[in-house]
Structures are given as structure tokens and as C-alpha cells.
Amino acid sequence: MIFGIIKPYPSPLISGRGIDLDFAMLAGCLALLGLGLVMITSASSEVAAAQSGNPLYHMFRHLVYVAIGVFACIVTMMVPIATWQKMGFTMLVGAFALLVLVLVPGIGREVNGSMRWIGFSFFNVQPSEIAKVFVVIYLAGYLVRRQQEVRESWMGFFKPFIVLLPMAGLLLMEPDFGATVVMMGAAAAMLFLGGVGLFRFSLMVVLAVAAVFILVQAQPYRMARLITFTDPWSDQFGSGYQLTQALIAFGRGEWLGVGLGNSVQKQFYLPEAHTDFVFSVLAEELGVVGSLVTVALFVFVTVRALYIGLWAEKAKQFFAAYMAFGLAFLWIGQFLINIGVNVGLLPTKGLTLPFLSYGGSSLVICCACVGLLLRIEWESRTHLGSEEHEFNESDFAEEPNHGR
């Protein structure tokens, strides 16, 4: 059915010029995927050997997720952006449905005290990862439909929060504070780029900070994390244990690291070594140099995503532009929070590192986002992104290559 829907449409993979992709963006994402596979294999080997008897157990599962992610990337790349725009409201309803289902006993699966997953026989699906992307797509459509209203009136500014606040409430009920912050941060950035005035945007920032303060005060464990991360050594075998072990990993890595596969902290000292704290193991094994190269890759793909949004905006494809900006800010938020937690600049949060952390939902959604961004770049470059355009082979024949 999927191939029947996408077959009539040209795409970056089907054109007169053959494969016509933003290879710079693709190369950056593939480098992160490859690095993630290597680090997950290394960081999970001890845990996998103890739990399943096979040190490569998590690597094989991750390879399956990579294969599914590549398929998701190809599918999203072949669907016209106009189709996503039409489906915005449906996807929003789907996001709400998933976030409600995950809270239903018997459907949602509890792991480490949080109801964040819908369990199937061999794998779990994390609805918050899907919901964040669906919200970006819906909000991009709203900014196009109500552009004048968003820029000039308070009502146009507040209307998105009628949707965003209930969704944030559902995320907090799981609880998933990190996903809430990332989603709301991306939405705020999209509204700002959509033309919201500085005064209204500043008011939103003040209200958001106040809301975060209230939410932290409302739950004792959040306040404990906030206090502990400022001085984790004061309770290094209690609430500060995870952060102190992560900092030890950074200290052991020094400039060039202890060598790939030689981490000590992954040997049951550092909890969640192959998921939330994979960057700490990377720093221990590859050192400061490897960590900075990884950060540079992250910076490259996020800046490239922002440029893709800028190119779409210059091509007057505003929905595609807002969607690219939103996806870029989702990545930026997760990068900053995860790495900030690993190095002790932020309180400990259960948030994966895009492309690198072990986790099927996060990886597949990241790959799908890459497909969306590659599609946006192609449509803006070829100016063939309009759903009214009648495509044929002459659109692609002997067209000059616009390098970026």
C-alpha cells in the first residue's frame, strides 16, 4: 500500500538525474549512525553478556532498528511535503491518541517507574518520540495558515498552546519531563521564526521558566535531582551516583581516551551506559578529541538542517521551512540536554542522544526526520514542491546541478 501511494511521485531517489540527494547532510547523519553502532556495541557488551549470554545482543537488535530506520527514511523521502501538510491535523489526533494509550494499564509498559512505552512482543514503541514530530508538522501547517494572525494578534499567538499544553500534560503524566521541555522548546522556536513579536516571545519565555520552576517544586525527586547535580559528590553512592560515574568516565578518557572497548565504567559502574549515558563511555574510550569530533558532527547536521529550512523559506515553501526548523530544534534540544546531563551541566534526565543512543523509537524517528529534511532540500532546490505541479520526465532532464 505504501509503495502504491508514493510510486507516482518523483523524489530525490527517482528522477531524470538519478539519485539527487543532499549528500553532505546524508554523510553527516550516516557518520553519526555508524559511530552510534560502534559505541553501542562497546558500551553494551558487558551488560548484554550478563543478561543474555551474548555480548553482541544489543548490537544485533540495534542493527535491526537501523534497518527499520533506513526504510523509514526512504519512505518519508518519497512522500511529497504537501502530503504531510494535508495530514497535519490527523497526525495531531494520532499523537494525542498514542499519549493517552501509553497511560492505559495493560497497554503502556512501565520501565524504571515511568509509563513511556507501548509494549509489543519483541520491542517497545515510545509514543513521545512520534508525538514530538507530529506536533512539529501540525504547528508548521498552523504557522502557514495563520501567519498574519500569529504575527499581529495575541489570539494567533495563544491558539497553539490550546494544543501544546494538554499534550505537555500527558507527557508529564508518564512522566517524561525531558520530552516535554524539548517539544515546548521546539514549538517556541518555531513561533519565534514564524514572526511572533519580541514582547510576546519574551513573555512566553518568562512563563515557561516559571512553569519549569513550579514543575520542579511539585515533585520531590525533581528537586532532589536539581540539588544533587550541583554537587553530586555530596551523595556519590546515592542520588549522585550516576553523575559521578559519568564524570569519572570523562576523567579517565583524558585527551585520546583509553581505547575503543577498554572502558571500565561500562562494566556495571555506570547505569544506562548504552542508552542515556553512551556519550560518557564515548568520552572515556575516545577522549576529548573523539568527544569534540562527535559534537562537531552534531553541530554540522543541526546547522545543515537549519540551512535546509532557510533554503525552503527562500523558495517560498513556508510549510517545509517551518517543518525543517522544528525538526532541527528537536535535535538541538536533545543534543544539548543529553550532553549537558552527561557532563554535569544539567540535572539527570532520561533523554536519548539522537543517532547514538540505543533505543528503537528514537533511532527510527531520527532516520524518518532525515528523510523529511532530504525531501525538503530537494523540493526547495528543484522548485517542484507544489502539489499542483504536473510532474513529468522533462522536469528533470538536463537540469543543472545546484550545489550547496
Protein backbone atom coordinates (compact mmCIF):
# COMPACT_ATOMS: atom_id res chain seq x y z
CA MET A 1 0.00 0.00 0.00
CA ILE A 2 2.78 2.43 0.94
CA PHE A 3 4.60 1.93 -2.35
CA GLY A 4 1.32 2.29 -4.22
CA ILE A 5 0.83 5.73 -2.68
CA ILE A 6 4.35 7.04 -3.26
CA LYS A 7 5.06 5.48 -6.66
CA PRO A 8 3.52 8.23 -8.86
CA TYR A 9 5.58 10.97 -7.27
CA PRO A 10 9.14 11.87 -8.26
CA SER A 11 11.57 12.05 -5.38
CA PRO A 12 15.27 12.52 -4.63
CA LEU A 13 15.62 8.79 -5.39
CA ILE A 14 13.56 8.77 -8.61
CA SER A 15 14.42 11.50 -11.13
CA GLY A 16 15.98 12.05 -14.50
CA ARG A 17 19.27 12.81 -12.76
CA GLY A 18 19.21 9.58 -10.79
CA ILE A 19 19.78 9.87 -7.06
CA ASP A 20 19.64 13.60 -6.27
CA LEU A 21 20.29 13.99 -2.55
CA ASP A 22 21.90 16.48 -0.21
CA PHE A 23 24.93 14.22 0.21
CA ALA A 24 26.54 16.47 2.82
CA MET A 25 23.53 16.06 5.14
CA LEU A 26 23.31 12.36 4.40
CA ALA A 27 27.02 11.83 5.07
CA GLY A 28 26.84 13.61 8.43
CA CYS A 29 23.88 11.52 9.57
CA LEU A 30 25.43 8.27 8.34
CA ALA A 31 28.63 9.10 10.23
CA LEU A 32 26.61 9.54 13.43
CA LEU A 33 24.72 6.29 12.78
CA GLY A 34 27.97 4.41 12.25
CA LEU A 35 29.55 5.92 15.35
CA GLY A 36 26.44 5.07 17.33
CA LEU A 37 26.59 1.43 16.24
CA VAL A 38 30.24 1.18 17.28
CA MET A 39 29.67 2.82 20.67
CA ILE A 40 26.55 0.81 21.47
CA THR A 41 28.43 -2.40 20.66
CA SER A 42 31.21 -1.35 23.01
CA ALA A 43 29.10 0.17 25.80
CA SER A 44 26.57 -2.68 25.98
CA SER A 45 28.87 -5.69 25.70
CA GLU A 46 29.24 -6.35 29.43
CA VAL A 47 25.56 -5.87 30.23
CA ALA A 48 24.48 -7.96 27.23
CA ALA A 49 26.85 -10.79 28.17
CA ALA A 50 25.50 -10.87 31.72
CA GLN A 51 21.82 -10.63 30.76
CA SER A 52 21.65 -12.77 27.62
CA GLY A 53 24.96 -14.61 27.41
CA ASN A 54 25.75 -12.87 24.11
CA PRO A 55 27.92 -9.73 24.29
CA LEU A 56 26.63 -8.66 20.84
CA TYR A 57 22.93 -8.97 21.74
CA HIS A 58 22.26 -5.22 21.79
CA MET A 59 24.34 -4.69 18.65
CA PHE A 60 22.18 -7.13 16.66
CA ARG A 61 18.98 -5.51 17.94
CA HIS A 62 20.39 -2.09 17.07
CA LEU A 63 21.16 -3.27 13.55
CA VAL A 64 17.51 -4.25 13.16
CA TYR A 65 16.50 -0.76 14.30
CA VAL A 66 18.96 0.75 11.83
CA ALA A 67 17.41 -1.28 9.01
CA ILE A 68 13.90 -0.15 10.01
CA GLY A 69 15.19 3.43 10.29
CA VAL A 70 16.69 3.34 6.78
CA PHE A 71 13.36 2.05 5.45
CA ALA A 72 11.52 4.87 7.29
CA CYS A 73 13.97 7.39 5.82
CA ILE A 74 13.35 6.13 2.28
CA VAL A 75 9.56 6.18 2.71
CA THR A 76 9.44 9.72 4.13
CA MET A 77 11.83 10.90 1.42
CA MET A 78 9.45 9.72 -1.28
CA VAL A 79 6.29 11.36 0.10
CA PRO A 80 5.65 14.95 -1.12
CA ILE A 81 5.80 17.62 1.58
CA ALA A 82 2.32 18.74 0.52
CA THR A 83 1.01 15.36 1.67
CA TRP A 84 2.43 15.88 5.17
CA GLN A 85 0.82 19.33 5.24
CA LYS A 86 -2.59 17.83 4.44
CA MET A 87 -2.17 15.20 7.15
CA GLY A 88 -1.23 17.68 9.90
CA PHE A 89 -4.47 17.55 11.88
CA THR A 90 -4.77 13.77 11.53
CA MET A 91 -1.24 13.36 12.84
CA LEU A 92 -2.01 15.64 15.77
CA VAL A 93 -5.01 13.49 16.70
CA GLY A 94 -2.80 10.42 16.34
CA ALA A 95 -0.23 11.94 18.69
CA PHE A 96 -2.88 12.56 21.35
CA ALA A 97 -4.20 9.01 20.93
CA LEU A 98 -0.75 7.48 21.41
CA LEU A 99 -0.04 9.58 24.50
CA VAL A 100 -3.37 8.56 26.03
CA LEU A 101 -2.88 4.87 25.18
CA VAL A 102 0.53 4.73 26.84
CA LEU A 103 -1.10 5.71 30.15
CA VAL A 104 -3.69 2.92 29.97
CA PRO A 105 -2.78 0.00 32.28
CA GLY A 106 -2.21 -3.15 30.26
CA ILE A 107 -1.23 -1.18 27.14
CA GLY A 108 1.50 1.08 28.47
CA ARG A 109 4.62 -0.63 29.81
CA GLU A 110 6.31 0.66 32.93
CA VAL A 111 10.11 0.79 32.96
CA ASN A 112 12.08 2.33 35.84
CA GLY A 113 8.92 3.90 37.25
CA SER A 114 7.81 5.61 34.02
CA MET A 115 4.95 4.68 31.65
CA ARG A 116 6.64 5.80 28.42
CA TRP A 117 6.36 2.71 26.22
CA ILE A 118 3.68 0.70 24.46
CA GLY A 119 4.91 -2.86 24.61
CA PHE A 120 4.78 -5.43 21.86
CA SER A 121 6.17 -8.95 21.95
CA PHE A 122 9.73 -8.18 20.91
CA PHE A 123 10.01 -4.41 21.10
CA ASN A 124 8.64 -1.24 22.70
CA VAL A 125 7.35 1.89 21.00
CA GLN A 126 7.85 5.25 22.70
CA PRO A 127 4.91 7.50 21.73
CA SER A 128 6.61 10.69 22.90
CA GLU A 129 9.21 10.36 20.10
CA ILE A 130 6.44 10.13 17.50
CA ALA A 131 4.32 12.85 19.11
CA LYS A 132 7.14 15.42 19.02
CA VAL A 133 7.49 15.11 15.24
CA PHE A 134 3.73 15.12 14.69
CA VAL A 135 3.45 18.34 16.72
CA VAL A 136 6.14 19.97 14.58
CA ILE A 137 4.27 19.03 11.39
CA TYR A 138 0.95 20.32 12.74
CA LEU A 139 2.47 23.56 14.04
CA ALA A 140 4.22 24.20 10.71
CA GLY A 141 0.85 23.97 9.00
CA TYR A 142 -0.71 26.31 11.57
CA LEU A 143 2.00 28.92 11.03
CA VAL A 144 1.30 28.86 7.29
CA ARG A 145 -2.48 29.03 7.65
CA ARG A 146 -2.47 31.71 10.36
CA GLN A 147 0.72 33.58 9.50
CA GLN A 148 -0.79 37.06 9.66
CA GLU A 149 -2.73 36.28 12.81
CA VAL A 150 0.37 34.85 14.54
CA ARG A 151 2.39 37.97 13.73
CA GLU A 152 -0.19 40.59 14.63
CA SER A 153 -2.56 39.30 17.32
CA TRP A 154 -2.39 37.78 20.76
CA MET A 155 -5.01 35.20 19.81
CA GLY A 156 -2.90 33.86 16.96
CA PHE A 157 -0.03 33.53 19.42
CA PHE A 158 -2.03 31.72 22.14
CA LYS A 159 -4.02 29.31 19.95
CA PRO A 160 -1.17 26.78 19.53
CA PHE A 161 -0.94 26.44 23.31
CA ILE A 162 -4.51 25.13 23.40
CA VAL A 163 -2.97 22.07 21.74
CA LEU A 164 0.53 22.14 23.24
CA LEU A 165 -0.39 22.43 26.92
CA PRO A 166 -2.67 19.35 27.06
CA MET A 167 -0.01 17.38 25.19
CA ALA A 168 2.63 18.57 27.64
CA GLY A 169 0.32 17.48 30.45
CA LEU A 170 0.08 13.97 29.00
CA LEU A 171 3.87 13.79 28.72
CA LEU A 172 4.26 14.88 32.33
CA MET A 173 1.84 12.17 33.45
CA GLU A 174 4.18 9.46 32.11
CA PRO A 175 6.35 11.25 33.43
CA ASP A 176 8.67 12.47 30.66
CA PHE A 177 9.92 15.90 31.68
CA GLY A 178 12.76 15.89 29.15
CA ALA A 179 10.50 15.26 26.15
CA THR A 180 8.16 17.99 27.39
CA VAL A 181 10.99 20.53 27.50
CA VAL A 182 12.26 19.54 24.04
CA MET A 183 8.80 19.69 22.46
CA MET A 184 7.87 23.03 24.01
CA GLY A 185 11.29 24.48 23.19
CA ALA A 186 10.99 23.48 19.53
CA ALA A 187 7.46 24.90 19.40
CA ALA A 188 8.63 28.19 20.93
CA ALA A 189 11.47 28.45 18.39
CA MET A 190 9.04 27.79 15.53
CA LEU A 191 6.68 30.51 16.77
CA PHE A 192 9.55 32.97 17.01
CA LEU A 193 10.72 32.17 13.48
CA GLY A 194 7.10 32.37 12.36
CA GLY A 195 7.06 36.07 13.22
CA VAL A 196 5.86 36.34 16.84
CA GLY A 197 6.84 39.75 18.21
CA LEU A 198 9.71 40.05 20.65
CA PHE A 199 7.49 41.23 23.52
CA ARG A 200 5.11 38.28 23.22
CA PHE A 201 8.01 35.87 22.78
CA SER A 202 9.75 37.27 25.88
CA LEU A 203 6.52 36.86 27.84
CA MET A 204 6.34 33.23 26.68
CA VAL A 205 9.93 32.63 27.85
CA VAL A 206 9.17 34.11 31.28
CA LEU A 207 6.04 31.97 31.63
CA ALA A 208 7.96 28.88 30.51
CA VAL A 209 10.70 29.44 33.11
CA ALA A 210 8.06 29.95 35.79
CA ALA A 211 6.30 26.74 34.70
CA VAL A 212 9.56 24.76 34.87
CA PHE A 213 10.22 26.13 38.36
CA ILE A 214 6.73 25.12 39.53
CA LEU A 215 7.05 21.64 37.99
CA VAL A 216 10.41 21.11 39.68
CA GLN A 217 8.95 22.17 43.02
CA ALA A 218 5.90 19.93 42.56
CA GLN A 219 7.83 16.64 42.57
CA PRO A 220 10.39 15.88 45.31
CA TYR A 221 12.51 13.67 43.03
CA ARG A 222 12.94 16.54 40.56
CA MET A 223 14.08 18.87 43.32
CA ALA A 224 16.46 16.18 44.59
CA ARG A 225 17.98 15.88 41.11
CA LEU A 226 18.31 19.63 40.85
CA ILE A 227 20.12 19.85 44.17
CA THR A 228 22.28 16.78 43.59
CA PHE A 229 23.66 17.71 40.16
CA THR A 230 25.23 20.89 41.58
CA ASP A 231 27.34 18.76 43.94
CA PRO A 232 27.00 15.06 43.05
CA TRP A 233 29.96 14.11 45.25
CA SER A 234 27.98 15.02 48.37
CA ASP A 235 25.96 11.82 47.81
CA GLN A 236 28.08 9.91 45.37
CA PHE A 237 26.67 6.50 46.31
CA GLY A 238 23.07 7.70 46.40
CA SER A 239 21.30 10.29 44.27
CA GLY A 240 24.59 11.48 42.76
CA TYR A 241 25.84 8.02 41.79
CA GLN A 242 25.03 8.13 38.07
CA LEU A 243 26.56 11.56 37.51
CA THR A 244 29.71 10.84 39.50
CA GLN A 245 30.31 7.67 37.48
CA ALA A 246 29.80 9.65 34.26
CA LEU A 247 32.32 12.26 35.41
CA ILE A 248 34.80 9.53 36.30
CA ALA A 249 34.44 8.25 32.73
CA PHE A 250 35.25 11.71 31.37
CA GLY A 251 38.25 11.98 33.69
CA ARG A 252 39.63 8.60 32.66
CA GLY A 253 39.35 9.47 28.96
CA GLU A 254 41.79 12.39 29.07
CA TRP A 255 42.87 13.60 25.61
CA LEU A 256 42.89 10.46 23.47
CA GLY A 257 40.88 8.00 25.57
CA VAL A 258 41.64 4.56 26.94
CA GLY A 259 40.92 2.90 23.61
CA LEU A 260 37.81 1.52 21.93
CA GLY A 261 36.32 -1.29 24.01
CA ASN A 262 38.51 -0.56 27.06
CA SER A 263 36.01 1.38 29.16
CA VAL A 264 35.90 0.45 32.84
CA GLN A 265 32.76 2.45 33.63
CA LYS A 266 30.59 0.35 31.30
CA GLN A 267 31.34 -2.69 33.49
CA PHE A 268 28.31 -2.16 35.73
CA TYR A 269 29.62 1.08 37.26
CA LEU A 270 27.69 3.47 35.00
CA PRO A 271 23.96 2.70 34.76
CA GLU A 272 22.33 3.09 31.31
CA ALA A 273 25.79 3.11 29.70
CA HIS A 274 24.46 2.27 26.22
CA THR A 275 21.35 4.48 26.34
CA ASP A 276 21.27 7.82 28.17
CA PHE A 277 24.99 7.87 29.06
CA VAL A 278 26.58 6.50 25.91
CA PHE A 279 28.37 9.82 25.43
CA SER A 280 30.23 9.28 28.72
CA VAL A 281 31.51 5.91 27.52
CA LEU A 282 32.49 7.54 24.21
CA ALA A 283 34.44 10.20 26.12
CA GLU A 284 36.21 7.54 28.18
CA GLU A 285 37.20 5.42 25.19
CA LEU A 286 37.87 8.14 22.60
CA GLY A 287 38.91 11.01 24.88
CA VAL A 288 38.48 14.75 24.42
CA VAL A 289 39.41 14.52 20.75
CA GLY A 290 36.74 11.90 19.98
CA SER A 291 34.15 13.81 22.02
CA LEU A 292 34.81 17.06 20.17
CA VAL A 293 34.63 15.31 16.79
CA THR A 294 31.26 13.86 17.82
CA VAL A 295 29.98 17.25 18.93
CA ALA A 296 31.22 18.73 15.65
CA LEU A 297 29.15 16.14 13.74
CA PHE A 298 26.10 17.06 15.81
CA VAL A 299 26.66 20.74 15.12
CA PHE A 300 27.07 20.08 11.40
CA VAL A 301 23.82 18.12 10.94
CA THR A 302 21.75 20.57 13.02
CA VAL A 303 23.16 23.65 11.28
CA ARG A 304 22.63 21.92 7.93
CA ALA A 305 19.01 21.24 8.92
CA LEU A 306 18.55 24.94 9.75
CA TYR A 307 20.04 25.89 6.38
CA ILE A 308 17.62 23.50 4.67
CA GLY A 309 14.81 25.42 6.35
CA LEU A 310 16.33 28.70 5.19
CA TRP A 311 16.60 27.47 1.59
CA ALA A 312 12.97 26.35 1.66
CA GLU A 313 11.94 29.75 3.00
CA LYS A 314 13.82 31.50 0.18
CA ALA A 315 11.98 29.22 -2.26
CA LYS A 316 8.72 30.43 -0.62
CA GLN A 317 7.90 26.93 0.59
CA PHE A 318 6.99 28.10 4.06
CA PHE A 319 5.43 24.92 5.44
CA ALA A 320 8.58 22.98 4.51
CA ALA A 321 10.73 25.72 6.03
CA TYR A 322 8.91 25.72 9.38
CA MET A 323 8.98 21.92 9.48
CA ALA A 324 12.74 21.88 8.86
CA PHE A 325 13.28 24.46 11.58
CA GLY A 326 11.16 22.44 14.01
CA LEU A 327 12.97 19.17 13.31
CA ALA A 328 16.32 20.92 13.70
CA PHE A 329 15.32 22.33 17.09
CA LEU A 330 14.11 18.91 18.25
CA TRP A 331 17.60 17.57 17.55
CA ILE A 332 19.30 20.59 19.09
CA GLY A 333 17.23 20.28 22.26
CA GLN A 334 18.02 16.59 22.69
CA PHE A 335 21.72 17.07 21.90
CA LEU A 336 22.10 19.89 24.42
CA ILE A 337 20.13 18.19 27.19
CA ASN A 338 21.75 14.76 26.83
CA ILE A 339 25.32 16.06 26.61
CA GLY A 340 24.59 18.63 29.35
CA VAL A 341 23.43 15.79 31.63
CA ASN A 342 26.49 13.67 30.79
CA VAL A 343 28.95 16.42 31.68
CA GLY A 344 27.05 17.56 34.77
CA LEU A 345 25.74 20.90 33.47
CA LEU A 346 22.09 19.82 33.75
CA PRO A 347 20.11 17.62 36.16
CA THR A 348 19.89 13.94 35.21
CA LYS A 349 17.12 13.28 32.69
CA GLY A 350 16.17 10.17 30.77
CA LEU A 351 16.63 11.55 27.26
CA THR A 352 18.41 9.70 24.47
CA LEU A 353 21.18 11.12 22.31
CA PRO A 354 19.89 11.19 18.71
CA PHE A 355 21.56 8.66 16.37
CA LEU A 356 23.94 7.42 19.09
CA SER A 357 21.87 6.05 21.98
CA TYR A 358 20.39 2.56 21.99
CA GLY A 359 16.63 2.77 21.53
CA GLY A 360 14.46 1.73 18.62
CA SER A 361 11.84 4.50 18.68
CA SER A 362 14.39 7.31 18.91
CA LEU A 363 16.57 5.90 16.13
CA VAL A 364 13.72 5.18 13.71
CA ILE A 365 12.21 8.64 14.24
CA CYS A 366 15.61 10.29 13.74
CA CYS A 367 16.02 8.44 10.43
CA ALA A 368 12.50 9.44 9.37
CA CYS A 369 13.40 13.06 10.14
CA VAL A 370 16.46 12.76 7.93
CA GLY A 371 14.19 11.61 5.11
CA LEU A 372 11.91 14.60 5.64
CA LEU A 373 14.84 17.01 5.60
CA LEU A 374 16.30 15.47 2.44
CA ARG A 375 12.90 15.76 0.77
CA ILE A 376 12.56 19.41 1.84
CA GLU A 377 16.03 20.24 0.50
CA TRP A 378 15.27 18.54 -2.83
CA GLU A 379 11.90 20.24 -3.29
CA SER A 380 13.30 23.69 -2.45
CA ARG A 381 16.27 23.21 -4.79
CA THR A 382 14.24 21.92 -7.73
CA HIS A 383 11.22 24.17 -7.07
CA LEU A 384 9.00 21.16 -7.65
CA GLY A 385 7.43 21.09 -4.22
CA SER A 386 3.99 22.29 -5.19
CA GLU A 387 1.26 19.68 -5.14
CA GLU A 388 -0.37 21.42 -8.15
CA HIS A 389 2.71 20.90 -10.30
CA GLU A 390 2.27 18.33 -13.06
CA PHE A 391 5.42 16.20 -12.95
CA ASN A 392 6.99 14.55 -15.96
CA GLU A 393 10.44 13.50 -17.09
CA SER A 394 11.07 16.82 -18.81
CA ASP A 395 11.10 18.45 -15.38
CA PHE A 396 14.28 16.58 -14.59
CA ALA A 397 16.10 16.31 -17.91
CA GLU A 398 19.39 18.15 -18.27
CA GLU A 399 18.72 20.38 -15.29
CA PRO A 400 21.86 21.98 -13.89
CA ASN A 401 23.10 20.75 -10.56
CA HIS A 402 22.73 23.43 -7.88
CA GLY A 403 25.48 22.60 -5.43
CA ARG A 404 25.21 23.81 -1.87
